């Protein structure tokens, strides 16, 4: 999914890969990634979103936000 979205070879999508220098992701494709995360329910906070430089950073951010979603859902029951 991520490789398709970013239009890169799936073998290149590894945690340590930098979006810009390793994968050649431009600002438009990065914006598409951030919008996809938002559609998945991840709240985009600009100060954190600007720190996403690697595939691993994006994954960690996604997992962190999923944890917040789980906590919010549990609190509303």
PDB file of N, CA and C in Angstrom:
ATOM      1  N   UNK A   1       0.817  -1.190   0.000  1.00  0.00           N
ATOM      2  CA  UNK A   1       0.000   0.000   0.000  1.00  0.00           C
ATOM      3  C   UNK A   1       0.869   1.265   0.000  1.00  0.00           C
ATOM      4  N   UNK A   2       1.827   1.320   0.909  1.00  0.00           N
ATOM      5  CA  UNK A   2       2.679   2.505   1.008  1.00  0.00           C
ATOM      6  C   UNK A   2       3.511   2.682  -0.258  1.00  0.00           C
ATOM      7  N   UNK A   3       4.048   1.581  -0.766  1.00  0.00           N
ATOM      8  CA  UNK A   3       4.849   1.664  -1.991  1.00  0.00           C
ATOM      9  C   UNK A   3       4.008   2.178  -3.157  1.00  0.00           C
ATOM     10  N   UNK A   4       2.777   1.706  -3.256  1.00  0.00           N
ATOM     11  CA  UNK A   4       1.888   2.183  -4.326  1.00  0.00           C
ATOM     12  C   UNK A   4       1.586   3.664  -4.167  1.00  0.00           C
ATOM     13  N   UNK A   5       1.270   4.062  -2.951  1.00  0.00           N
ATOM     14  CA  UNK A   5       0.936   5.461  -2.684  1.00  0.00           C
ATOM     15  C   UNK A   5       2.098   6.389  -3.027  1.00  0.00           C
ATOM     16  N   UNK A   6       3.307   5.955  -2.667  1.00  0.00           N
ATOM     17  CA  UNK A   6       4.495   6.783  -2.893  1.00  0.00           C
ATOM     18  C   UNK A   6       5.132   6.554  -4.259  1.00  0.00           C
ATOM     19  N   UNK A   7       4.629   5.562  -4.984  1.00  0.00           N
ATOM     20  CA  UNK A   7       5.138   5.220  -6.311  1.00  0.00           C
ATOM     21  C   UNK A   7       6.622   4.857  -6.269  1.00  0.00           C
ATOM     22  N   UNK A   8       6.944   3.923  -5.356  1.00  0.00           N
ATOM     23  CA  UNK A   8       8.319   3.440  -5.226  1.00  0.00           C
ATOM     24  C   UNK A   8       8.308   1.914  -5.227  1.00  0.00           C
ATOM     25  N   UNK A   9       9.476   1.326  -5.407  1.00  0.00           N
ATOM     26  CA  UNK A   9       9.644  -0.120  -5.365  1.00  0.00           C
ATOM     27  C   UNK A   9       9.361  -0.614  -3.945  1.00  0.00           C
ATOM     28  N   UNK A  10       8.488  -1.610  -3.780  1.00  0.00           N
ATOM     29  CA  UNK A  10       8.163  -2.117  -2.440  1.00  0.00           C
ATOM     30  C   UNK A  10       9.388  -2.580  -1.641  1.00  0.00           C
ATOM     31  N   UNK A  11      10.420  -3.078  -2.328  1.00  0.00           N
ATOM     32  CA  UNK A  11      11.631  -3.525  -1.637  1.00  0.00           C
ATOM     33  C   UNK A  11      12.380  -2.379  -0.967  1.00  0.00           C
ATOM     34  N   UNK A  12      12.119  -1.156  -1.397  1.00  0.00           N
ATOM     35  CA  UNK A  12      12.781   0.014  -0.817  1.00  0.00           C
ATOM     36  C   UNK A  12      12.088   0.515   0.445  1.00  0.00           C
ATOM     37  N   UNK A  13      10.864   0.070   0.670  1.00  0.00           N
ATOM     38  CA  UNK A  13      10.078   0.568   1.802  1.00  0.00           C
ATOM     39  C   UNK A  13      10.457  -0.227   3.050  1.00  0.00           C
ATOM     40  N   UNK A  14      11.502   0.243   3.710  1.00  0.00           N
ATOM     41  CA  UNK A  14      12.007  -0.364   4.944  1.00  0.00           C
ATOM     42  C   UNK A  14      12.046   0.720   6.016  1.00  0.00           C
ATOM     43  N   UNK A  15      12.004   0.320   7.301  1.00  0.00           N
ATOM     44  CA  UNK A  15      11.921   1.323   8.373  1.00  0.00           C
ATOM     45  C   UNK A  15      12.959   2.435   8.309  1.00  0.00           C
ATOM     46  N   UNK A  16      14.173   2.129   7.909  1.00  0.00           N
ATOM     47  CA  UNK A  16      15.225   3.139   7.907  1.00  0.00           C
ATOM     48  C   UNK A  16      15.290   3.999   6.659  1.00  0.00           C
ATOM     49  N   UNK A  17      14.414   3.753   5.701  1.00  0.00           N
ATOM     50  CA  UNK A  17      14.448   4.506   4.443  1.00  0.00           C
ATOM     51  C   UNK A  17      13.910   5.918   4.647  1.00  0.00           C
ATOM     52  N   UNK A  18      14.710   6.889   4.238  1.00  0.00           N
ATOM     53  CA  UNK A  18      14.280   8.289   4.290  1.00  0.00           C
ATOM     54  C   UNK A  18      13.403   8.572   3.077  1.00  0.00           C
ATOM     55  N   UNK A  19      12.273   9.227   3.320  1.00  0.00           N
ATOM     56  CA  UNK A  19      11.341   9.500   2.237  1.00  0.00           C
ATOM     57  C   UNK A  19      11.983  10.306   1.112  1.00  0.00           C
ATOM     58  N   UNK A  20      12.701  11.351   1.446  1.00  0.00           N
ATOM     59  CA  UNK A  20      13.249  12.235   0.415  1.00  0.00           C
ATOM     60  C   UNK A  20      14.533  11.673  -0.187  1.00  0.00           C
ATOM     61  N   UNK A  21      15.525  11.390   0.639  1.00  0.00           N
ATOM     62  CA  UNK A  21      16.833  11.005   0.101  1.00  0.00           C
ATOM     63  C   UNK A  21      16.890   9.578  -0.425  1.00  0.00           C
ATOM     64  N   UNK A  22      16.205   8.640   0.220  1.00  0.00           N
ATOM     65  CA  UNK A  22      16.268   7.241  -0.214  1.00  0.00           C
ATOM     66  C   UNK A  22      15.180   6.874  -1.220  1.00  0.00           C
ATOM     67  N   UNK A  23      13.979   7.398  -1.002  1.00  0.00           N
ATOM     68  CA  UNK A  23      12.846   7.016  -1.846  1.00  0.00           C
ATOM     69  C   UNK A  23      12.506   8.054  -2.905  1.00  0.00           C
ATOM     70  N   UNK A  24      13.114   9.243  -2.814  1.00  0.00           N
ATOM     71  CA  UNK A  24      12.859  10.287  -3.799  1.00  0.00           C
ATOM     72  C   UNK A  24      11.444  10.843  -3.749  1.00  0.00           C
ATOM     73  N   UNK A  25      10.838  10.784  -2.571  1.00  0.00           N
ATOM     74  CA  UNK A  25       9.461  11.265  -2.411  1.00  0.00           C
ATOM     75  C   UNK A  25       9.454  12.789  -2.421  1.00  0.00           C
ATOM     76  N   UNK A  26       8.611  13.352  -3.272  1.00  0.00           N
ATOM     77  CA  UNK A  26       8.493  14.808  -3.331  1.00  0.00           C
ATOM     78  C   UNK A  26       7.386  15.281  -2.387  1.00  0.00           C
ATOM     79  N   UNK A  27       7.203  16.572  -2.306  1.00  0.00           N
ATOM     80  CA  UNK A  27       6.244  17.140  -1.350  1.00  0.00           C
ATOM     81  C   UNK A  27       4.807  16.719  -1.655  1.00  0.00           C
ATOM     82  N   UNK A  28       4.476  16.540  -2.912  1.00  0.00           N
ATOM     83  CA  UNK A  28       3.116  16.130  -3.281  1.00  0.00           C
ATOM     84  C   UNK A  28       2.838  14.713  -2.785  1.00  0.00           C
ATOM     85  N   UNK A  29       3.783  13.813  -3.002  1.00  0.00           N
ATOM     86  CA  UNK A  29       3.581  12.435  -2.535  1.00  0.00           C
ATOM     87  C   UNK A  29       3.593  12.359  -1.015  1.00  0.00           C
ATOM     88  N   UNK A  30       4.390  13.199  -0.371  1.00  0.00           N
ATOM     89  CA  UNK A  30       4.399  13.221   1.094  1.00  0.00           C
ATOM     90  C   UNK A  30       3.054  13.717   1.616  1.00  0.00           C
ATOM     91  N   UNK A  31       2.505  14.705   0.968  1.00  0.00           N
ATOM     92  CA  UNK A  31       1.186  15.206   1.351  1.00  0.00           C
ATOM     93  C   UNK A  31       0.129  14.116   1.187  1.00  0.00           C
ATOM     94  N   UNK A  32       0.225  13.343   0.114  1.00  0.00           N
ATOM     95  CA  UNK A  32      -0.704  12.229  -0.091  1.00  0.00           C
ATOM     96  C   UNK A  32      -0.611  11.227   1.055  1.00  0.00           C
ATOM     97  N   UNK A  33       0.609  10.951   1.505  1.00  0.00           N
ATOM     98  CA  UNK A  33       0.798  10.037   2.633  1.00  0.00           C
ATOM     99  C   UNK A  33       0.133  10.588   3.885  1.00  0.00           C
ATOM    100  N   UNK A  34       0.367  11.849   4.180  1.00  0.00           N
ATOM    101  CA  UNK A  34      -0.214  12.461   5.376  1.00  0.00           C
ATOM    102  C   UNK A  34      -1.736  12.499   5.291  1.00  0.00           C
ATOM    103  N   UNK A  35      -2.274  12.752   4.119  1.00  0.00           N
ATOM    104  CA  UNK A  35      -3.727  12.742   3.950  1.00  0.00           C
ATOM    105  C   UNK A  35      -4.293  11.336   4.123  1.00  0.00           C
ATOM    106  N   UNK A  36      -3.555  10.335   3.672  1.00  0.00           N
ATOM    107  CA  UNK A  36      -3.994   8.947   3.858  1.00  0.00           C
ATOM    108  C   UNK A  36      -4.032   8.602   5.343  1.00  0.00           C
ATOM    109  N   UNK A  37      -3.019   9.025   6.082  1.00  0.00           N
ATOM    110  CA  UNK A  37      -3.022   8.790   7.528  1.00  0.00           C
ATOM    111  C   UNK A  37      -4.235   9.449   8.179  1.00  0.00           C
ATOM    112  N   UNK A  38      -4.540  10.650   7.733  1.00  0.00           N
ATOM    113  CA  UNK A  38      -5.692  11.367   8.281  1.00  0.00           C
ATOM    114  C   UNK A  38      -6.991  10.615   7.985  1.00  0.00           C
ATOM    115  N   UNK A  39      -7.115  10.059   6.791  1.00  0.00           N
ATOM    116  CA  UNK A  39      -8.307   9.279   6.442  1.00  0.00           C
ATOM    117  C   UNK A  39      -8.430   8.030   7.307  1.00  0.00           C
ATOM    118  N   UNK A  40      -7.301   7.517   7.777  1.00  0.00           N
ATOM    119  CA  UNK A  40      -7.311   6.337   8.641  1.00  0.00           C
ATOM    120  C   UNK A  40      -7.607   6.689  10.092  1.00  0.00           C
ATOM    121  N   UNK A  41      -7.861   7.965  10.349  1.00  0.00           N
ATOM    122  CA  UNK A  41      -8.231   8.388  11.692  1.00  0.00           C
ATOM    123  C   UNK A  41      -7.094   8.945  12.519  1.00  0.00           C
ATOM    124  N   UNK A  42      -5.936   9.138  11.906  1.00  0.00           N
ATOM    125  CA  UNK A  42      -4.778   9.666  12.615  1.00  0.00           C
ATOM    126  C   UNK A  42      -4.830  11.186  12.586  1.00  0.00           C
ATOM    127  N   UNK A  43      -4.848  11.789  13.761  1.00  0.00           N
ATOM    128  CA  UNK A  43      -4.863  13.252  13.851  1.00  0.00           C
ATOM    129  C   UNK A  43      -3.493  13.792  13.475  1.00  0.00           C
ATOM    130  N   UNK A  44      -3.466  14.700  12.528  1.00  0.00           N
ATOM    131  CA  UNK A  44      -2.195  15.269  12.087  1.00  0.00           C
ATOM    132  C   UNK A  44      -1.882  16.534  12.866  1.00  0.00           C
ATOM    133  N   UNK A  45      -0.877  16.440  13.693  1.00  0.00           N
ATOM    134  CA  UNK A  45      -0.386  17.616  14.411  1.00  0.00           C
ATOM    135  C   UNK A  45       0.871  18.071  13.675  1.00  0.00           C
ATOM    136  N   UNK A  46       0.846  19.284  13.177  1.00  0.00           N
ATOM    137  CA  UNK A  46       1.905  19.780  12.303  1.00  0.00           C
ATOM    138  C   UNK A  46       3.292  19.627  12.909  1.00  0.00           C
ATOM    139  N   UNK A  47       3.434  19.938  14.196  1.00  0.00           N
ATOM    140  CA  UNK A  47       4.764  19.863  14.804  1.00  0.00           C
ATOM    141  C   UNK A  47       5.312  18.444  14.806  1.00  0.00           C
ATOM    142  N   UNK A  48       4.453  17.438  14.865  1.00  0.00           N
ATOM    143  CA  UNK A  48       4.918  16.053  14.797  1.00  0.00           C
ATOM    144  C   UNK A  48       5.029  15.575  13.357  1.00  0.00           C
ATOM    145  N   UNK A  49       4.094  15.974  12.530  1.00  0.00           N
ATOM    146  CA  UNK A  49       4.105  15.538  11.135  1.00  0.00           C
ATOM    147  C   UNK A  49       5.381  15.986  10.422  1.00  0.00           C
ATOM    148  N   UNK A  50       5.906  17.129  10.786  1.00  0.00           N
ATOM    149  CA  UNK A  50       7.126  17.615  10.135  1.00  0.00           C
ATOM    150  C   UNK A  50       8.358  16.817  10.557  1.00  0.00           C
ATOM    151  N   UNK A  51       8.242  16.030  11.613  1.00  0.00           N
ATOM    152  CA  UNK A  51       9.364  15.194  12.059  1.00  0.00           C
ATOM    153  C   UNK A  51       9.414  13.847  11.345  1.00  0.00           C
ATOM    154  N   UNK A  52       8.386  13.529  10.581  1.00  0.00           N
ATOM    155  CA  UNK A  52       8.351  12.243   9.884  1.00  0.00           C
ATOM    156  C   UNK A  52       9.307  12.308   8.701  1.00  0.00           C
ATOM    157  N   UNK A  53      10.438  11.633   8.852  1.00  0.00           N
ATOM    158  CA  UNK A  53      11.442  11.644   7.793  1.00  0.00           C
ATOM    159  C   UNK A  53      11.682  10.267   7.197  1.00  0.00           C
ATOM    160  N   UNK A  54      11.405   9.220   7.980  1.00  0.00           N
ATOM    161  CA  UNK A  54      11.644   7.860   7.503  1.00  0.00           C
ATOM    162  C   UNK A  54      10.347   7.054   7.515  1.00  0.00           C
ATOM    163  N   UNK A  55      10.391   5.912   6.854  1.00  0.00           N
ATOM    164  CA  UNK A  55       9.254   4.993   6.875  1.00  0.00           C
ATOM    165  C   UNK A  55       8.966   4.584   8.315  1.00  0.00           C
ATOM    166  N   UNK A  56      10.014   4.338   9.089  1.00  0.00           N
ATOM    167  CA  UNK A  56       9.845   3.973  10.493  1.00  0.00           C
ATOM    168  C   UNK A  56       9.195   5.086  11.300  1.00  0.00           C
ATOM    169  N   UNK A  57       9.553   6.328  11.020  1.00  0.00           N
ATOM    170  CA  UNK A  57       8.923   7.470  11.702  1.00  0.00           C
ATOM    171  C   UNK A  57       7.421   7.486  11.437  1.00  0.00           C
ATOM    172  N   UNK A  58       7.041   7.260  10.181  1.00  0.00           N
ATOM    173  CA  UNK A  58       5.620   7.266   9.816  1.00  0.00           C
ATOM    174  C   UNK A  58       4.886   6.138  10.522  1.00  0.00           C
ATOM    175  N   UNK A  59       5.505   4.972  10.567  1.00  0.00           N
ATOM    176  CA  UNK A  59       4.890   3.823  11.244  1.00  0.00           C
ATOM    177  C   UNK A  59       4.728   4.099  12.736  1.00  0.00           C
ATOM    178  N   UNK A  60       5.776   4.610  13.360  1.00  0.00           N
ATOM    179  CA  UNK A  60       5.712   4.917  14.794  1.00  0.00           C
ATOM    180  C   UNK A  60       4.640   5.956  15.091  1.00  0.00           C
ATOM    181  N   UNK A  61       4.541   6.976  14.261  1.00  0.00           N
ATOM    182  CA  UNK A  61       3.530   8.022  14.437  1.00  0.00           C
ATOM    183  C   UNK A  61       2.136   7.425  14.315  1.00  0.00           C
ATOM    184  N   UNK A  62       1.950   6.578  13.311  1.00  0.00           N
ATOM    185  CA  UNK A  62       0.670   5.908  13.094  1.00  0.00           C
ATOM    186  C   UNK A  62       0.304   5.057  14.309  1.00  0.00           C
ATOM    187  N   UNK A  63       1.250   4.260  14.806  1.00  0.00           N
ATOM    188  CA  UNK A  63       0.996   3.396  15.974  1.00  0.00           C
ATOM    189  C   UNK A  63       0.695   4.229  17.210  1.00  0.00           C
ATOM    190  N   UNK A  64       1.421   5.317  17.388  1.00  0.00           N
ATOM    191  CA  UNK A  64       1.193   6.200  18.539  1.00  0.00           C
ATOM    192  C   UNK A  64      -0.225   6.756  18.495  1.00  0.00           C
ATOM    193  N   UNK A  65      -0.654   7.211  17.347  1.00  0.00           N
ATOM    194  CA  UNK A  65      -1.992   7.776  17.212  1.00  0.00           C
ATOM    195  C   UNK A  65      -3.070   6.711  17.358  1.00  0.00           C
ATOM    196  N   UNK A  66      -2.799   5.489  16.900  1.00  0.00           N
ATOM    197  CA  UNK A  66      -3.767   4.407  17.102  1.00  0.00           C
ATOM    198  C   UNK A  66      -3.953   4.137  18.583  1.00  0.00           C
ATOM    199  N   UNK A  67      -2.876   4.230  19.350  1.00  0.00           N
ATOM    200  CA  UNK A  67      -2.974   4.068  20.797  1.00  0.00           C
ATOM    201  C   UNK A  67      -3.859   5.129  21.407  1.00  0.00           C
ATOM    202  N   UNK A  68      -3.733   6.359  20.944  1.00  0.00           N
ATOM    203  CA  UNK A  68      -4.590   7.439  21.440  1.00  0.00           C
ATOM    204  C   UNK A  68      -6.039   7.194  21.056  1.00  0.00           C
ATOM    205  N   UNK A  69      -6.260   6.680  19.843  1.00  0.00           N
ATOM    206  CA  UNK A  69      -7.629   6.384  19.413  1.00  0.00           C
ATOM    207  C   UNK A  69      -8.233   5.299  20.284  1.00  0.00           C
ATOM    208  N   UNK A  70      -7.441   4.266  20.613  1.00  0.00           N
ATOM    209  CA  UNK A  70      -7.929   3.189  21.470  1.00  0.00           C
ATOM    210  C   UNK A  70      -8.300   3.720  22.838  1.00  0.00           C
ATOM    211  N   UNK A  71      -7.472   4.599  23.391  1.00  0.00           N
ATOM    212  CA  UNK A  71      -7.751   5.161  24.709  1.00  0.00           C
ATOM    213  C   UNK A  71      -9.002   6.025  24.681  1.00  0.00           C
ATOM    214  N   UNK A  72      -9.179   6.815  23.634  1.00  0.00           N
ATOM    215  CA  UNK A  72     -10.373   7.662  23.533  1.00  0.00           C
ATOM    216  C   UNK A  72     -11.622   6.807  23.388  1.00  0.00           C
ATOM    217  N   UNK A  73     -11.529   5.729  22.619  1.00  0.00           N
ATOM    218  CA  UNK A  73     -12.676   4.846  22.432  1.00  0.00           C
ATOM    219  C   UNK A  73     -13.035   4.148  23.732  1.00  0.00           C
ATOM    220  N   UNK A  74     -12.028   3.701  24.468  1.00  0.00           N
ATOM    221  CA  UNK A  74     -12.279   3.012  25.735  1.00  0.00           C
ATOM    222  C   UNK A  74     -12.903   3.954  26.746  1.00  0.00           C
ATOM    223  N   UNK A  75     -12.511   5.208  26.731  1.00  0.00           N
ATOM    224  CA  UNK A  75     -13.046   6.180  27.674  1.00  0.00           C
ATOM    225  C   UNK A  75     -14.482   6.559  27.390  1.00  0.00           C
ATOM    226  N   UNK A  76     -14.950   6.326  26.180  1.00  0.00           N
ATOM    227  CA  UNK A  76     -16.312   6.723  25.840  1.00  0.00           C
ATOM    228  C   UNK A  76     -17.324   5.614  26.088  1.00  0.00           C
ATOM    229  N   UNK A  77     -16.845   4.436  26.512  1.00  0.00           N
ATOM    230  CA  UNK A  77     -17.765   3.323  26.759  1.00  0.00           C
ATOM    231  C   UNK A  77     -18.341   3.379  28.136  1.00  0.00           C
TER     232      UNK A  77
END
